[in-house]
Amino acid sequence: MGAPEGTDTLNELAFTLDHCEAHETAAEHPPVPEEVRSAIRTLLRWTGDNPDREGLRDTPSRVARAWKEYCSGYTENPGLHLRRTFSEVAGYDEVVLLKDIPFQSHCEHHLAPITGCASIAYLPRHRVVGISKLARVLHGFSRRLQIQERMTSEIAQCIWNALQPHGVAVVIEAQHGCMTGRGVRTPGVAMITSRMLGCFLDDASSRKEVLALMGRG
């Protein structure tokens, strides 16, 4: 008895779907070099666990891919997000502020998480940028191994160079896993850093205004 009508078409469709799923899986989970997986297995073994047990068998590949994602900022130039600007602002020349933007980074000293929020402001000269681009600049720098002080300065300098505004102000508040989860083990303690450029650095009233808008006046 022959195959039911349409069986060949269904088989072709199933093959196509399987091929697509395999392609998507390969794209989502690119191969991890053996030297990377071996390094992670060594670390697992050094901590006292068995990297060959079932629960840890795939951990080296997962960790490697996770760190590629955590550090995706190395593959981009954050300043490129600020290339497209707008001049039709109806004469607006006051502070532009994006407040309390959440972010996650990792400490370059212990590879421990840094979690917090940033407020980014600038006083435009003639042009403004889409507000989402300020968050993209933050994420471009935070998705690298960092120290908070340097990250704060990098964000401010990037905006200053790209937009050439009257002033830039960046304030970051974050908790550091290297302090809350190890060492002195003091949870709930936040570190605050700020970087002021232009009028926010030189003019006390402008600095007071922008800090008040950020809720830090």
Protein backbone atom coordinates (compact mmCIF):
# COMPACT_ATOMS: atom_id res chain seq x y z
CA MET A 1 0.00 0.00 0.00
CA GLY A 2 1.46 3.38 -0.98
CA ALA A 3 2.11 6.27 1.38
CA PRO A 4 -0.87 8.57 2.04
CA GLU A 5 -1.20 11.51 -0.27
CA GLY A 6 0.85 14.48 0.91
CA THR A 7 3.30 12.40 2.96
CA ASP A 8 6.29 13.55 0.90
CA THR A 9 5.30 17.17 1.43
CA LEU A 10 4.95 16.64 5.18
CA ASN A 11 8.33 14.93 5.33
CA GLU A 12 9.94 17.80 3.43
CA LEU A 13 8.31 20.29 5.79
CA ALA A 14 9.50 18.36 8.85
CA PHE A 15 13.03 18.22 7.43
CA THR A 16 12.97 21.96 6.75
CA LEU A 17 11.76 22.73 10.28
CA ASP A 18 14.42 20.46 11.82
CA HIS A 19 17.08 22.16 9.69
CA CYS A 20 15.87 25.62 10.75
CA GLU A 21 15.83 24.64 14.43
CA ALA A 22 19.36 23.26 14.17
CA HIS A 23 20.52 26.46 12.46
CA GLU A 24 18.87 28.65 15.13
CA THR A 25 20.39 26.54 17.91
CA ALA A 26 23.85 26.90 16.37
CA ALA A 27 23.36 30.66 16.08
CA GLU A 28 22.14 30.94 19.68
CA HIS A 29 24.82 28.61 21.03
CA PRO A 30 28.04 29.12 19.06
CA PRO A 31 30.79 26.59 19.77
CA VAL A 32 33.03 27.34 22.75
CA PRO A 33 36.77 26.66 22.32
CA GLU A 34 38.03 23.71 24.32
CA GLU A 35 40.67 25.86 26.03
CA VAL A 36 37.89 28.04 27.47
CA ARG A 37 35.81 25.09 28.66
CA SER A 38 38.93 23.50 30.14
CA ALA A 39 39.74 26.67 32.08
CA ILE A 40 36.24 26.74 33.58
CA ARG A 41 36.42 23.04 34.48
CA THR A 42 39.74 23.75 36.22
CA LEU A 43 38.10 26.53 38.24
CA LEU A 44 35.18 24.28 39.20
CA ARG A 45 37.59 21.59 40.31
CA TRP A 46 39.68 24.10 42.27
CA THR A 47 36.60 25.28 44.20
CA GLY A 48 36.13 21.70 45.42
CA ASP A 49 33.42 20.41 43.10
CA ASN A 50 33.46 17.74 40.40
CA PRO A 51 33.11 19.24 36.90
CA ASP A 52 32.21 15.79 35.51
CA ARG A 53 29.07 15.32 37.58
CA GLU A 54 25.75 15.62 35.77
CA GLY A 55 24.79 19.06 37.05
CA LEU A 56 28.11 20.62 36.01
CA ARG A 57 28.74 18.74 32.77
CA ASP A 58 27.45 21.54 30.52
CA THR A 59 28.37 24.37 32.89
CA PRO A 60 31.67 25.31 31.18
CA SER A 61 29.90 26.05 27.88
CA ARG A 62 27.09 27.90 29.61
CA VAL A 63 29.50 30.02 31.64
CA ALA A 64 31.58 30.85 28.57
CA ARG A 65 28.53 32.00 26.59
CA ALA A 66 27.24 33.97 29.56
CA TRP A 67 30.53 35.85 29.84
CA LYS A 68 30.44 36.64 26.13
CA GLU A 69 27.07 38.27 26.79
CA TYR A 70 28.20 40.00 29.99
CA CYS A 71 31.14 41.52 28.09
CA SER A 72 29.38 42.28 24.80
CA GLY A 73 30.35 45.94 25.21
CA TYR A 74 33.83 45.14 23.92
CA THR A 75 32.37 44.53 20.46
CA GLU A 76 30.82 47.99 20.09
CA ASN A 77 31.79 51.65 20.06
CA PRO A 78 29.29 53.38 22.39
CA GLY A 79 29.91 56.72 20.68
CA LEU A 80 28.29 55.44 17.48
CA HIS A 81 24.91 55.54 19.22
CA LEU A 82 25.21 59.33 19.38
CA ARG A 83 25.84 59.94 15.70
CA ARG A 84 22.24 60.70 14.78
CA THR A 85 21.13 63.98 16.34
CA PHE A 86 18.18 66.34 15.90
CA SER A 87 18.23 70.11 15.54
CA GLU A 88 14.46 70.76 15.35
CA VAL A 89 13.90 71.28 19.05
CA ALA A 90 11.83 74.51 18.96
CA GLY A 91 14.55 76.45 20.71
CA TYR A 92 14.81 74.05 23.67
CA ASP A 93 18.02 74.78 25.56
CA GLU A 94 17.46 73.34 29.03
CA VAL A 95 18.79 70.21 30.73
CA VAL A 96 18.04 66.82 29.15
CA LEU A 97 18.08 64.07 31.78
CA LEU A 98 17.59 60.31 31.69
CA LYS A 99 17.20 59.28 35.30
CA ASP A 100 17.75 56.02 37.19
CA ILE A 101 18.76 53.79 34.26
CA PRO A 102 19.37 50.26 35.61
CA PHE A 103 22.53 48.46 34.56
CA GLN A 104 24.73 45.51 35.41
CA SER A 105 28.47 45.29 35.04
CA HIS A 106 31.32 43.20 36.46
CA CYS A 107 34.25 44.24 38.61
CA GLU A 108 37.59 43.77 36.87
CA HIS A 109 39.28 42.86 40.14
CA HIS A 110 37.10 39.92 41.21
CA LEU A 111 34.71 39.44 38.22
CA ALA A 112 31.91 40.02 40.73
CA PRO A 113 28.66 41.70 39.65
CA ILE A 114 28.11 45.44 39.91
CA THR A 115 24.41 46.35 39.89
CA GLY A 116 22.94 49.80 40.09
CA CYS A 117 21.47 52.72 38.24
CA ALA A 118 22.81 55.77 36.45
CA SER A 119 21.47 59.24 35.80
CA ILE A 120 22.83 60.95 32.68
CA ALA A 121 22.23 64.60 31.81
CA TYR A 122 23.49 67.09 29.27
CA LEU A 123 22.77 70.70 28.42
CA PRO A 124 22.46 70.80 24.62
CA ARG A 125 24.17 73.46 22.56
CA HIS A 126 22.20 73.19 19.32
CA ARG A 127 21.29 69.53 18.91
CA VAL A 128 19.77 66.69 20.94
CA VAL A 129 19.94 62.92 20.66
CA GLY A 130 17.26 60.26 21.09
CA ILE A 131 16.93 59.53 24.80
CA SER A 132 17.33 55.76 24.35
CA LYS A 133 20.83 56.43 23.02
CA LEU A 134 21.98 57.62 26.44
CA ALA A 135 21.00 54.23 27.88
CA ARG A 136 22.82 52.50 25.03
CA VAL A 137 25.98 54.44 25.83
CA LEU A 138 25.70 53.33 29.46
CA HIS A 139 25.25 49.69 28.46
CA GLY A 140 28.09 49.87 25.97
CA PHE A 141 30.49 50.72 28.77
CA SER A 142 28.87 48.69 31.56
CA ARG A 143 29.01 45.46 29.54
CA ARG A 144 32.75 45.28 30.05
CA LEU A 145 34.99 44.52 32.99
CA GLN A 146 34.92 47.78 34.90
CA ILE A 147 35.60 49.86 37.94
CA GLN A 148 32.79 52.28 38.68
CA GLU A 149 34.97 55.39 38.72
CA ARG A 150 36.32 54.76 35.22
CA MET A 151 32.92 53.83 33.82
CA THR A 152 31.44 57.09 35.10
CA SER A 153 34.17 59.10 33.41
CA GLU A 154 33.96 57.12 30.16
CA ILE A 155 30.23 57.73 29.80
CA ALA A 156 30.56 61.46 30.45
CA GLN A 157 33.51 61.86 28.09
CA CYS A 158 31.79 59.91 25.33
CA ILE A 159 28.73 62.19 25.44
CA TRP A 160 30.92 65.29 25.69
CA ASN A 161 32.97 64.32 22.63
CA ALA A 162 30.01 63.27 20.49
CA LEU A 163 27.46 66.01 21.23
CA GLN A 164 29.72 68.92 22.23
CA PRO A 165 27.06 70.25 24.64
CA HIS A 166 27.37 73.03 27.20
CA GLY A 167 27.68 70.45 29.94
CA VAL A 168 27.47 66.76 30.86
CA ALA A 169 26.66 65.22 34.23
CA VAL A 170 26.76 61.51 35.10
CA VAL A 171 25.95 60.07 38.53
CA ILE A 172 26.09 56.34 39.20
CA GLU A 173 24.97 54.48 42.32
CA ALA A 174 25.76 50.78 42.54
CA GLN A 175 26.36 47.84 44.82
CA HIS A 176 29.44 45.70 44.32
CA GLY A 177 29.39 41.94 44.75
CA CYS A 178 33.07 41.97 45.66
CA MET A 179 32.05 43.83 48.83
CA THR A 180 28.56 42.45 49.53
CA GLY A 181 29.28 38.76 48.84
CA ARG A 182 32.93 38.39 49.87
CA GLY A 183 35.60 40.25 51.82
CA VAL A 184 33.86 42.45 54.36
CA ARG A 185 30.48 40.98 53.29
CA THR A 186 28.51 44.14 53.89
CA PRO A 187 25.22 44.05 51.94
CA GLY A 188 23.10 47.12 51.33
CA VAL A 189 26.04 49.49 50.91
CA ALA A 190 26.01 51.57 47.71
CA MET A 191 28.88 53.40 46.06
CA ILE A 192 28.16 56.76 44.37
CA THR A 193 30.37 58.32 41.72
CA SER A 194 29.87 61.44 39.62
CA ARG A 195 31.50 63.16 36.68
CA MET A 196 30.75 66.74 35.67
CA LEU A 197 31.97 68.45 32.50
CA GLY A 198 31.47 71.92 31.05
CA CYS A 199 28.98 74.19 32.77
CA PHE A 200 28.08 71.53 35.35
CA LEU A 201 31.71 71.54 36.46
CA ASP A 202 32.41 75.27 36.17
CA ASP A 203 29.12 76.79 37.31
CA ALA A 204 27.85 76.02 40.81
CA SER A 205 24.24 76.96 40.06
CA SER A 206 24.11 74.69 37.00
CA ARG A 207 25.59 71.84 39.00
CA LYS A 208 23.08 72.39 41.79
CA GLU A 209 20.21 72.39 39.28
CA VAL A 210 21.17 69.14 37.58
CA LEU A 211 21.79 67.36 40.89
CA ALA A 212 18.38 68.51 42.11
CA LEU A 213 16.76 67.13 38.95
CA MET A 214 18.53 63.83 39.61
CA GLY A 215 17.13 63.84 43.13
CA ARG A 216 20.50 64.46 44.70
CA GLY A 217 20.23 68.15 45.47
